[in-house]
Protein backbone atom coordinates (compact mmCIF):
# COMPACT_ATOMS: atom_id res chain seq x y z
CA MET A 1 11.29 -9.13 16.24
CA ASP A 2 9.85 -10.76 13.09
CA ALA A 3 10.94 -9.72 9.60
CA LEU A 4 10.20 -6.07 8.96
CA SER A 5 9.43 -6.48 5.28
CA LEU A 6 6.68 -8.48 3.67
CA ALA A 7 5.44 -9.13 0.15
CA GLU A 8 2.42 -10.89 -1.31
CA SER A 9 1.67 -11.51 -5.00
CA VAL A 10 -1.29 -12.37 -7.17
CA THR A 11 -1.70 -12.82 -10.92
CA ILE A 12 -4.42 -10.66 -12.42
CA ASP A 13 -5.90 -11.08 -15.89
CA CYS A 14 -5.32 -7.46 -16.81
CA PRO A 15 -2.55 -5.41 -18.47
CA PRO A 16 0.05 -3.84 -16.17
CA GLU A 17 -0.80 -0.31 -17.36
CA VAL A 18 -4.40 -0.69 -16.21
CA LEU A 19 -3.38 -2.08 -12.83
CA TYR A 20 -0.76 0.61 -12.33
CA ASP A 21 -3.29 3.33 -13.12
CA MET A 22 -5.72 1.84 -10.59
CA VAL A 23 -3.13 1.71 -7.80
CA ALA A 24 -1.50 5.07 -8.61
CA ASP A 25 -4.92 6.70 -8.23
CA VAL A 26 -4.75 6.32 -4.46
CA THR A 27 -8.30 7.65 -4.12
CA GLY A 28 -9.47 4.10 -4.96
CA MET A 29 -7.47 2.37 -2.21
CA GLY A 30 -10.37 2.56 0.24
CA GLU A 31 -12.35 0.22 -2.04
CA TRP A 32 -9.79 -2.60 -1.70
CA SER A 33 -7.99 -2.32 1.63
CA PRO A 34 -9.45 -3.77 4.83
CA VAL A 35 -7.82 -0.97 6.90
CA CYS A 36 -7.41 2.06 4.63
CA LYS A 37 -10.89 3.48 4.13
CA ALA A 38 -10.08 6.60 2.08
CA CYS A 39 -7.19 8.47 0.48
CA TRP A 40 -7.05 11.93 -1.05
CA TRP A 41 -4.30 13.97 -2.67
CA GLU A 42 -2.86 16.78 -0.56
CA ASP A 43 -0.01 18.37 -2.53
CA GLY A 44 1.82 18.07 -5.84
CA THR A 45 0.76 16.40 -9.05
CA PRO A 46 -1.33 13.32 -8.19
CA GLY A 47 0.57 10.10 -8.79
CA GLN A 48 3.97 11.72 -9.32
CA VAL A 49 7.13 11.33 -7.23
CA GLY A 50 7.09 13.89 -4.44
CA SER A 51 3.32 14.29 -4.34
CA THR A 52 1.62 13.72 -1.00
CA PHE A 53 -1.66 12.17 0.00
CA ARG A 54 -3.52 11.62 3.22
CA GLY A 55 -5.06 8.28 4.18
CA ARG A 56 -7.77 7.50 6.72
CA ASN A 57 -7.41 4.10 8.37
CA GLU A 58 -9.84 2.25 10.60
CA THR A 59 -9.66 -0.83 12.78
CA PRO A 60 -12.09 -1.88 15.50
CA GLU A 61 -9.69 -0.34 18.04
CA ARG A 62 -9.00 3.04 16.44
CA THR A 63 -9.21 5.47 13.51
CA TRP A 64 -6.19 7.49 12.35
CA GLU A 65 -4.79 9.43 9.43
CA THR A 66 -1.37 9.30 7.81
CA VAL A 67 0.47 11.50 5.33
CA SER A 68 2.34 9.68 2.58
CA THR A 69 4.80 10.78 -0.09
CA VAL A 70 5.12 9.05 -3.46
CA VAL A 71 8.71 7.79 -3.90
CA VAL A 72 8.40 5.65 -7.06
CA ALA A 73 6.06 6.25 -9.99
CA GLU A 74 7.11 4.14 -12.99
CA ARG A 75 3.97 3.45 -15.01
CA ALA A 76 3.22 -0.25 -15.48
CA ARG A 77 6.27 -1.18 -13.37
CA GLU A 78 6.16 0.14 -9.80
CA PHE A 79 4.28 2.58 -7.57
CA ALA A 80 5.43 3.16 -3.98
CA TRP A 81 5.13 5.63 -1.12
CA VAL A 82 6.52 6.23 2.35
CA VAL A 83 4.31 6.99 5.33
CA ASN A 84 4.93 9.68 7.95
CA GLY A 85 8.17 10.95 6.46
CA GLY A 86 9.73 7.52 6.04
CA TRP A 87 8.43 5.28 8.84
CA VAL A 88 6.93 2.66 6.53
CA ARG A 89 7.21 1.96 2.79
CA TRP A 90 4.30 0.48 0.84
CA GLY A 91 4.60 -0.45 -2.81
CA TYR A 92 3.23 -2.33 -5.78
CA ARG A 93 5.28 -3.96 -8.55
CA PHE A 94 3.79 -5.06 -11.86
CA GLU A 95 5.40 -7.88 -13.88
CA PRO A 96 4.00 -9.40 -17.08
CA ALA A 97 2.73 -12.95 -16.47
CA GLY A 98 1.43 -14.63 -19.62
CA ALA A 99 -1.64 -12.69 -20.73
CA GLY A 100 -1.90 -11.02 -17.33
CA THR A 101 0.19 -9.32 -14.68
CA GLU A 102 1.76 -10.50 -11.46
CA VAL A 103 1.10 -7.76 -8.90
CA THR A 104 3.27 -7.76 -5.77
CA GLU A 105 2.27 -5.63 -2.81
CA SER A 106 5.04 -4.92 -0.31
CA TRP A 107 5.34 -3.44 3.17
CA GLU A 108 8.50 -2.50 5.01
CA MET A 109 9.01 -0.92 8.42
CA LEU A 110 11.95 1.43 7.92
CA PRO A 111 14.61 2.40 10.50
CA ALA A 112 12.93 5.77 11.08
CA GLY A 113 9.73 3.88 11.89
CA ILE A 114 11.46 1.64 14.42
CA GLU A 115 12.95 4.70 16.13
CA GLY A 116 9.64 6.54 15.93
CA PHE A 117 7.81 3.64 17.54
CA ARG A 118 10.47 3.45 20.27
CA GLY A 119 10.03 7.14 20.98
CA ARG A 120 6.24 6.92 20.98
CA TYR A 121 5.69 3.57 22.73
CA GLY A 122 8.87 2.95 24.76
CA GLU A 123 8.98 -0.62 26.05
CA GLU A 124 5.84 -1.45 24.06
CA ALA A 125 7.49 -0.50 20.72
CA ASP A 126 8.32 -4.04 19.61
CA ALA A 127 4.77 -5.21 20.37
CA GLN A 128 3.34 -2.22 18.46
CA VAL A 129 5.59 -2.89 15.45
CA ALA A 130 4.62 -6.58 15.54
CA GLN A 131 0.95 -5.57 15.56
CA ARG A 132 1.47 -3.36 12.47
CA ARG A 133 3.38 -6.17 10.75
CA GLN A 134 0.56 -8.61 11.46
CA ALA A 135 -2.02 -6.15 10.11
CA ALA A 136 0.00 -5.77 6.91
CA LEU A 137 0.44 -9.54 6.61
CA ALA A 138 -3.29 -10.14 7.01
CA GLY A 139 -4.35 -7.19 4.87
CA MET A 140 -2.22 -7.67 1.76
CA PRO A 141 -4.00 -10.78 0.43
CA VAL A 142 -7.38 -9.12 1.07
CA THR A 143 -6.31 -5.96 -0.76
CA LEU A 144 -4.86 -7.92 -3.68
CA ALA A 145 -7.98 -10.09 -3.99
CA ALA A 146 -10.20 -7.00 -4.08
CA LEU A 147 -7.92 -5.29 -6.62
CA LYS A 148 -8.02 -8.46 -8.75
CA ALA A 149 -11.83 -8.61 -8.65
CA ALA A 150 -12.19 -4.92 -9.52
CA ALA A 151 -9.61 -5.01 -12.32
CA GLU A 152 -10.92 -8.19 -13.93
CA ALA A 153 -14.52 -6.92 -13.75
CA ALA A 154 -13.50 -3.62 -15.36
CA THR A 155 -11.51 -5.43 -18.06
CA ALA A 156 -14.41 -7.82 -18.81
CA ALA A 157 -16.80 -4.85 -19.12
CA ARG A 158 -14.72 -3.33 -21.95
């Protein structure tokens, strides 16, 4: 099985606080992601550790929803969540880079996810995990490019 964690980075001409606030407001994720079409807060204080949100995802093959829990919320530094009680971890790190910010999006299939996929898909589990990995690999640069365009346009408009 291929590596079960991925990361992709881009430098954005925008302060880390602005980028963090954009990402931590998960209701905007549907504007940037090629798969996640909408997110909404379910429980807790939006953007805080322990709060939960639901996401609606779409591919040509299927539409599904997930429930995620925020696990890291350090303004201007890192925002991360786990999906389905710890199957997958998604996150964003924000590092100063000259006058801008290097934003790193990460994806990791966690041990609970591997076991969950084995229980759900049996012999097809590895192929299903590989498919999710490929979707993350293809989607991260698209998401980061859209976030960059939105952030830089908003910054220029100020």
